[in-house]
């Protein structure tokens, strides 16, 4: 099996890469030969748990915001066309443009469509058009689709006439604490997000001073944006003005980040676009007491284990305060939901079942 469309193995960049770090060894344990295509030096850490059974292939491509996904995807597909795996797992509809090449070579494809990228504010009009057209190619040429949220599946059926398989992300359960807490457990409100508008970062930063004053807590911000970005400037300003606001930037140390989630009095998850968010699933698995924007995606993941707010600043302030004083064991509720629906064992088993079914169908047609 070949995996196309991630930054490589083992990479620690984002949700796709985390899924592949779990899935590739799982499949190898069950007799699959797994090849993962990637980009040279892109958040790769072979010194941290790389499985020697996984074949990691670096390809060419153009490192730019607009062309990297397309070009690295193309060269990965060309390599796969030459070597012809039994099945290809393709991540991201931007690689839909190259699915006809795999189909002509007789390589069945499973495509994880990700979220609805053409609705993200960070993309230009041209970028949104590229993703939307890639989605149409995916709908036309993919053999099987994977949706990480049921609501994404509903969207695809309504807009592209395609059904598929629901496979979300998994989360790692809490382990024994390995370090002293950075902040008083229960005494801070946490935000973990890339600083982009659709993650409600600006709304939370506006709410932060009132959250601190009303609840006598700290506010901890994990995330960043490029220098000069308006949201980064706002975060810098709020942290400089309010000594109880702690701007930590991007954190690549999973243990440190997990401890922050686990010990927070409340975790604000403001993501509004996309399907099942990997960070939300991980926070839930760690028992984070979560305030989330009330989107269909967040409600699908959290269910009754979450508390929901609107885009209004006052709603954020009031809902965070309610969670900080809620006497229910919200941590246990979150952990139980994660164990029931969002474990890596469940995720990997569903992927293998989907991939194996497509491979058996191919063998039956030959």
Protein backbone atom coordinates (compact mmCIF):
# COMPACT_ATOMS: atom_id res chain seq x y z
CA UNK A 1 0.00 0.00 0.00
CA UNK A 2 1.18 3.52 -0.82
CA UNK A 3 0.31 6.65 1.16
CA UNK A 4 0.28 9.83 -0.92
CA UNK A 5 -0.32 13.41 0.17
CA UNK A 6 1.29 13.73 3.60
CA UNK A 7 4.60 15.29 4.55
CA UNK A 8 6.16 11.90 5.16
CA UNK A 9 6.85 9.29 7.81
CA UNK A 10 7.36 9.82 10.64
CA UNK A 11 6.23 13.44 10.52
CA UNK A 12 4.75 15.53 13.33
CA UNK A 13 3.21 18.28 11.21
CA UNK A 14 -0.56 17.82 11.43
CA UNK A 15 -3.56 15.51 11.55
CA UNK A 16 -2.78 13.54 8.39
CA UNK A 17 0.77 12.90 9.56
CA UNK A 18 -0.37 11.81 13.01
CA UNK A 19 -2.81 9.36 11.44
CA UNK A 20 -0.11 7.90 9.20
CA UNK A 21 2.28 7.50 12.16
CA UNK A 22 -0.37 5.27 13.72
CA UNK A 23 -1.69 3.55 10.64
CA UNK A 24 1.55 2.53 8.91
CA UNK A 25 2.90 0.30 11.74
CA UNK A 26 -0.62 -1.05 12.36
CA UNK A 27 -0.83 -2.24 8.76
CA UNK A 28 2.73 -3.58 8.84
CA UNK A 29 1.77 -5.69 11.86
CA UNK A 30 -0.97 -7.23 9.73
CA UNK A 31 1.25 -8.13 6.81
CA UNK A 32 1.02 -5.06 4.60
CA UNK A 33 4.07 -3.56 2.94
CA UNK A 34 3.66 0.17 3.41
CA UNK A 35 5.30 2.94 1.43
CA UNK A 36 4.80 6.56 2.54
CA UNK A 37 5.67 9.41 0.22
CA UNK A 38 6.92 12.65 1.73
CA UNK A 39 8.87 15.86 1.41
CA UNK A 40 12.58 16.08 2.29
CA UNK A 41 13.16 17.43 5.78
CA UNK A 42 9.52 18.31 6.40
CA UNK A 43 9.08 17.87 10.16
CA UNK A 44 10.52 14.35 9.86
CA UNK A 45 11.90 12.83 13.06
CA UNK A 46 13.14 9.30 12.30
CA UNK A 47 14.89 9.26 15.67
CA UNK A 48 11.52 9.24 17.45
CA UNK A 49 9.86 5.88 17.01
CA UNK A 50 10.26 5.29 13.29
CA UNK A 51 9.27 1.77 12.29
CA UNK A 52 12.02 0.27 10.07
CA UNK A 53 9.40 -1.75 8.19
CA UNK A 54 7.92 1.41 6.65
CA UNK A 55 9.38 2.43 3.29
CA UNK A 56 9.77 6.20 3.30
CA UNK A 57 10.22 7.82 -0.12
CA UNK A 58 11.08 11.50 -0.54
CA UNK A 59 9.98 13.09 -3.81
CA UNK A 60 10.57 16.31 -5.67
CA UNK A 61 8.27 19.29 -5.51
CA UNK A 62 8.07 23.06 -5.32
CA UNK A 63 8.13 24.50 -1.80
CA UNK A 64 5.60 27.27 -2.02
CA UNK A 65 2.24 27.96 -0.38
CA UNK A 66 0.32 27.57 -3.63
CA UNK A 67 2.23 24.77 -5.36
CA UNK A 68 3.70 22.46 -2.73
CA UNK A 69 0.70 20.15 -2.28
CA UNK A 70 0.08 19.86 -6.01
CA UNK A 71 3.69 19.31 -7.07
CA UNK A 72 4.71 16.90 -4.32
CA UNK A 73 1.49 15.01 -4.94
CA UNK A 74 2.20 14.78 -8.65
CA UNK A 75 5.71 13.38 -8.22
CA UNK A 76 4.47 10.92 -5.60
CA UNK A 77 1.78 9.70 -8.00
CA UNK A 78 4.28 9.36 -10.84
CA UNK A 79 6.51 7.20 -8.62
CA UNK A 80 3.50 5.10 -7.61
CA UNK A 81 2.47 4.69 -11.25
CA UNK A 82 5.89 3.19 -11.98
CA UNK A 83 5.96 0.85 -8.97
CA UNK A 84 2.20 0.06 -8.92
CA UNK A 85 1.11 -0.66 -5.33
CA UNK A 86 -2.00 -2.78 -4.76
CA UNK A 87 -3.84 0.19 -3.22
CA UNK A 88 -3.11 3.89 -2.75
CA UNK A 89 -4.33 5.90 0.23
CA UNK A 90 -4.46 9.52 -0.93
CA UNK A 91 -4.79 12.39 1.52
CA UNK A 92 -6.39 15.72 0.51
CA UNK A 93 -8.63 16.51 -2.46
CA UNK A 94 -5.92 18.76 -3.91
CA UNK A 95 -4.38 15.50 -5.11
CA UNK A 96 -7.61 14.66 -6.94
CA UNK A 97 -6.10 16.10 -10.11
CA UNK A 98 -3.72 13.14 -10.28
CA UNK A 99 -6.24 10.35 -9.58
CA UNK A 100 -6.80 9.70 -13.33
CA UNK A 101 -3.14 8.66 -13.59
CA UNK A 102 -3.58 6.08 -10.84
CA UNK A 103 -6.83 4.85 -12.38
CA UNK A 104 -5.21 4.43 -15.81
CA UNK A 105 -2.50 2.33 -14.15
CA UNK A 106 -5.11 0.15 -12.46
CA UNK A 107 -4.29 1.29 -8.91
CA UNK A 108 -7.40 1.48 -6.67
CA UNK A 109 -7.60 4.62 -4.56
CA UNK A 110 -8.96 5.47 -1.12
CA UNK A 111 -9.10 9.25 -0.65
CA UNK A 112 -9.40 11.03 2.69
CA UNK A 113 -11.12 14.24 1.60
CA UNK A 114 -10.18 16.18 4.76
CA UNK A 115 -12.36 19.22 5.49
CA UNK A 116 -13.94 21.74 3.16
CA UNK A 117 -10.78 23.66 2.30
CA UNK A 118 -12.51 26.02 -0.14
CA UNK A 119 -14.39 27.54 2.80
CA UNK A 120 -11.24 28.49 4.72
CA UNK A 121 -10.45 32.20 4.94
CA UNK A 122 -6.71 31.62 4.63
CA UNK A 123 -6.96 30.71 0.93
CA UNK A 124 -7.20 33.20 -1.91
CA UNK A 125 -10.02 32.99 -4.45
CA UNK A 126 -7.68 31.04 -6.74
CA UNK A 127 -6.66 28.69 -3.92
CA UNK A 128 -10.28 27.99 -3.08
CA UNK A 129 -11.00 27.25 -6.74
CA UNK A 130 -8.07 24.82 -6.86
CA UNK A 131 -9.44 22.85 -3.89
CA UNK A 132 -13.00 22.92 -5.19
CA UNK A 133 -11.95 21.60 -8.60
CA UNK A 134 -9.73 18.99 -6.94
CA UNK A 135 -12.78 17.85 -5.00
CA UNK A 136 -14.70 17.41 -8.26
CA UNK A 137 -11.87 15.28 -9.68
CA UNK A 138 -11.91 13.28 -6.46
CA UNK A 139 -15.65 12.71 -6.75
CA UNK A 140 -15.23 11.53 -10.36
CA UNK A 141 -12.15 9.31 -10.06
CA UNK A 142 -11.68 8.05 -6.47
CA UNK A 143 -12.72 4.44 -5.86
CA UNK A 144 -13.54 4.99 -2.18
CA UNK A 145 -13.87 8.12 -0.05
CA UNK A 146 -13.08 8.59 3.64
CA UNK A 147 -14.83 11.30 5.66
CA UNK A 148 -13.45 12.22 9.09
CA UNK A 149 -16.89 13.47 10.18
CA UNK A 150 -20.43 12.32 9.44
CA UNK A 151 -21.33 15.91 8.58
CA UNK A 152 -18.60 15.97 5.92
CA UNK A 153 -20.14 12.84 4.43
CA UNK A 154 -23.53 14.56 4.31
CA UNK A 155 -21.93 17.53 2.53
CA UNK A 156 -20.31 15.33 -0.10
CA UNK A 157 -23.47 13.41 -0.77
CA UNK A 158 -25.45 16.64 -1.18
CA UNK A 159 -22.88 18.49 -3.30
CA UNK A 160 -21.00 15.78 -5.19
CA UNK A 161 -23.34 12.80 -5.13
CA UNK A 162 -20.76 10.56 -3.43
CA UNK A 163 -20.97 8.45 -0.29
CA UNK A 164 -18.05 6.96 1.60
CA UNK A 165 -16.71 5.59 4.87
CA UNK A 166 -16.62 7.48 8.17
CA UNK A 167 -13.17 7.27 9.80
CA UNK A 168 -12.32 10.01 12.33
CA UNK A 169 -9.06 10.68 14.17
CA UNK A 170 -7.91 9.06 17.40
CA UNK A 171 -6.46 10.41 20.60
CA UNK A 172 -3.80 9.26 23.02
CA UNK A 173 -5.05 8.64 26.58
CA UNK A 174 -3.37 10.36 29.49
CA UNK A 175 -0.24 8.77 30.91
CA UNK A 176 1.30 9.36 34.33
CA UNK A 177 2.43 12.99 34.70
CA UNK A 178 6.13 13.25 33.97
CA UNK A 179 6.85 16.82 34.98
CA UNK A 180 5.76 19.60 37.30
CA UNK A 181 2.75 21.52 35.95
CA UNK A 182 3.69 24.82 34.31
CA UNK A 183 0.57 26.48 35.70
CA UNK A 184 -1.70 25.75 38.65
CA UNK A 185 -3.96 22.81 37.68
CA UNK A 186 -7.48 24.10 37.09
CA UNK A 187 -6.26 27.68 37.38
CA UNK A 188 -5.98 28.62 33.72
CA UNK A 189 -7.95 28.74 30.49
CA UNK A 190 -6.18 27.30 27.47
CA UNK A 191 -6.35 28.01 23.75
CA UNK A 192 -4.50 25.75 21.29
CA UNK A 193 -4.84 26.77 17.64
CA UNK A 194 -3.17 28.20 14.60
CA UNK A 195 -3.80 31.91 14.66
CA UNK A 196 -6.26 32.17 11.78
CA UNK A 197 -9.70 33.84 11.79
CA UNK A 198 -11.72 30.64 11.40
CA UNK A 199 -10.31 29.37 14.72
CA UNK A 200 -12.00 32.23 16.62
CA UNK A 201 -8.64 33.40 17.98
CA UNK A 202 -9.54 37.09 17.71
CA UNK A 203 -12.80 36.56 19.62
CA UNK A 204 -11.00 34.70 22.40
CA UNK A 205 -8.30 37.38 22.68
CA UNK A 206 -11.02 40.01 23.07
CA UNK A 207 -12.64 37.90 25.78
CA UNK A 208 -9.41 37.08 27.64
CA UNK A 209 -9.20 40.15 29.94
CA UNK A 210 -12.78 39.67 31.15
CA UNK A 211 -12.25 35.92 31.62
CA UNK A 212 -9.25 36.68 33.84
CA UNK A 213 -11.01 39.39 35.86
CA UNK A 214 -14.24 37.48 36.46
CA UNK A 215 -12.72 34.09 37.28
CA UNK A 216 -9.29 34.90 38.77
CA UNK A 217 -7.48 32.64 36.32
CA UNK A 218 -4.55 32.74 33.94
CA UNK A 219 -4.94 32.55 30.15
CA UNK A 220 -2.48 30.38 28.21
CA UNK A 221 -2.15 30.72 24.44
CA UNK A 222 -0.51 27.98 22.35
CA UNK A 223 -0.13 28.80 18.67
CA UNK A 224 1.20 31.44 16.35
CA UNK A 225 0.98 33.15 12.99
CA UNK A 226 3.72 34.64 10.78
CA UNK A 227 5.32 37.83 12.05
CA UNK A 228 3.22 40.84 11.15
CA UNK A 229 -0.03 38.90 10.92
CA UNK A 230 -2.89 40.86 12.53
CA UNK A 231 -3.81 38.04 14.90
CA UNK A 232 -0.19 37.56 15.95
CA UNK A 233 0.08 41.30 16.57
CA UNK A 234 -3.10 41.20 18.66
CA UNK A 235 -1.84 38.23 20.68
CA UNK A 236 1.48 39.97 21.30
CA UNK A 237 -0.35 43.11 22.41
CA UNK A 238 -2.72 41.30 24.78
CA UNK A 239 0.15 39.31 26.34
CA UNK A 240 2.22 42.47 26.78
CA UNK A 241 -0.67 44.34 28.36
CA UNK A 242 -1.96 41.63 30.68
CA UNK A 243 0.64 39.83 32.85
CA UNK A 244 -1.73 36.90 33.40
CA UNK A 245 -1.82 36.13 29.66
CA UNK A 246 0.96 33.71 28.69
CA UNK A 247 1.85 33.44 24.99
CA UNK A 248 3.79 30.20 24.50
CA UNK A 249 3.87 30.08 20.69
CA UNK A 250 3.94 26.77 18.83
CA UNK A 251 4.71 23.71 20.99
CA UNK A 252 6.15 20.63 19.30
CA UNK A 253 6.68 18.72 22.57
CA UNK A 254 3.62 16.44 22.80
CA UNK A 255 4.15 15.68 26.49
CA UNK A 256 4.17 19.36 27.37
CA UNK A 257 1.09 20.08 25.27
CA UNK A 258 -0.77 17.08 26.70
CA UNK A 259 -0.07 18.29 30.24
CA UNK A 260 -1.45 21.72 29.38
CA UNK A 261 -4.68 20.19 28.06
CA UNK A 262 -5.04 17.80 30.98
CA UNK A 263 -4.54 20.43 33.70
CA UNK A 264 -6.56 23.30 32.20
CA UNK A 265 -9.61 24.57 34.05
CA UNK A 266 -11.17 25.10 30.63
CA UNK A 267 -9.99 24.57 27.06
CA UNK A 268 -11.38 26.87 24.36
CA UNK A 269 -11.74 25.21 20.96
CA UNK A 270 -12.80 27.84 18.46
CA UNK A 271 -12.37 25.94 15.20
CA UNK A 272 -15.32 26.50 12.87
CA UNK A 273 -14.28 24.97 9.52
CA UNK A 274 -13.48 21.36 8.69
CA UNK A 275 -14.61 18.02 10.00
CA UNK A 276 -13.32 16.16 13.03
CA UNK A 277 -10.45 18.23 14.39
CA UNK A 278 -7.47 16.14 15.58
CA UNK A 279 -6.64 18.61 18.37
CA UNK A 280 -10.20 18.41 19.71
CA UNK A 281 -10.10 14.60 19.73
CA UNK A 282 -6.76 14.63 21.54
CA UNK A 283 -7.98 17.15 24.10
CA UNK A 284 -11.06 15.01 24.71
CA UNK A 285 -8.95 11.87 25.21
CA UNK A 286 -6.98 13.75 27.88
CA UNK A 287 -10.13 14.84 29.70
CA UNK A 288 -9.98 18.53 28.81
CA UNK A 289 -12.99 20.51 30.04
CA UNK A 290 -13.93 21.97 26.68
CA UNK A 291 -15.74 25.09 25.54
CA UNK A 292 -16.24 24.78 21.78
CA UNK A 293 -17.84 26.86 19.11
CA UNK A 294 -21.24 25.30 18.49
CA UNK A 295 -20.59 24.01 14.97
CA UNK A 296 -22.07 20.79 13.66
CA UNK A 297 -18.56 19.28 13.60
CA UNK A 298 -17.67 20.13 17.19
CA UNK A 299 -21.05 18.94 18.46
CA UNK A 300 -20.62 15.67 16.57
CA UNK A 301 -17.29 14.99 18.26
CA UNK A 302 -18.00 16.17 21.81
CA UNK A 303 -21.69 15.43 22.22
CA UNK A 304 -22.76 16.06 25.81
CA UNK A 305 -19.13 16.12 26.95
CA UNK A 306 -18.72 19.65 25.57
CA UNK A 307 -20.13 23.07 26.36
CA UNK A 308 -20.86 25.35 23.42
CA UNK A 309 -20.66 29.06 22.69
CA UNK A 310 -21.44 31.35 19.78
CA UNK A 311 -19.16 33.78 17.95
CA UNK A 312 -20.20 36.56 20.33
CA UNK A 313 -17.49 37.69 22.78
CA UNK A 314 -19.96 37.81 25.68
CA UNK A 315 -20.99 34.22 24.93
CA UNK A 316 -17.35 33.11 25.12
CA UNK A 317 -16.86 34.91 28.46
CA UNK A 318 -20.02 33.48 30.00
CA UNK A 319 -19.53 29.93 28.71
CA UNK A 320 -15.91 29.72 29.87
CA UNK A 321 -16.99 30.95 33.29
CA UNK A 322 -19.75 28.34 33.41
CA UNK A 323 -17.31 25.52 32.65
CA UNK A 324 -14.85 26.72 35.30
CA UNK A 325 -17.59 26.43 37.94
CA UNK A 326 -19.42 23.38 36.55
CA UNK A 327 -19.60 20.69 39.24
CA UNK A 328 -20.09 17.84 36.79
CA UNK A 329 -17.04 15.67 36.12
CA UNK A 330 -16.56 16.98 32.60
CA UNK A 331 -13.13 15.35 32.37
CA UNK A 332 -14.54 11.86 32.90
CA UNK A 333 -17.35 12.55 30.43
CA UNK A 334 -14.82 13.57 27.76
CA UNK A 335 -12.55 10.57 28.36
CA UNK A 336 -15.45 8.12 28.21
CA UNK A 337 -16.65 9.57 24.91
CA UNK A 338 -13.14 9.41 23.44
CA UNK A 339 -12.78 5.76 24.49
CA UNK A 340 -16.12 4.86 22.92
CA UNK A 341 -15.68 6.57 19.54
CA UNK A 342 -12.22 8.05 18.99
CA UNK A 343 -9.38 5.63 19.71
CA UNK A 344 -6.53 4.88 17.33
CA UNK A 345 -7.42 1.19 17.46
CA UNK A 346 -10.87 2.01 16.07
CA UNK A 347 -9.44 4.36 13.45
CA UNK A 348 -6.72 2.02 12.18
CA UNK A 349 -9.06 -0.99 12.08
CA UNK A 350 -11.53 0.95 9.92
CA UNK A 351 -8.77 2.04 7.56
CA UNK A 352 -7.51 -1.52 7.16
CA UNK A 353 -11.02 -2.84 6.57
CA UNK A 354 -11.59 -0.20 3.88
CA UNK A 355 -8.24 -0.73 2.18
CA UNK A 356 -8.48 -4.54 2.31
CA UNK A 357 -12.00 -4.48 0.83
CA UNK A 358 -10.79 -2.42 -2.10
CA UNK A 359 -7.78 -4.68 -2.63
CA UNK A 360 -10.02 -7.78 -2.59
CA UNK A 361 -12.32 -6.15 -5.12
CA UNK A 362 -9.37 -5.46 -7.37
CA UNK A 363 -8.19 -9.08 -7.13
CA UNK A 364 -11.70 -10.32 -7.91
CA UNK A 365 -11.83 -8.21 -11.06
CA UNK A 366 -8.48 -9.39 -12.41
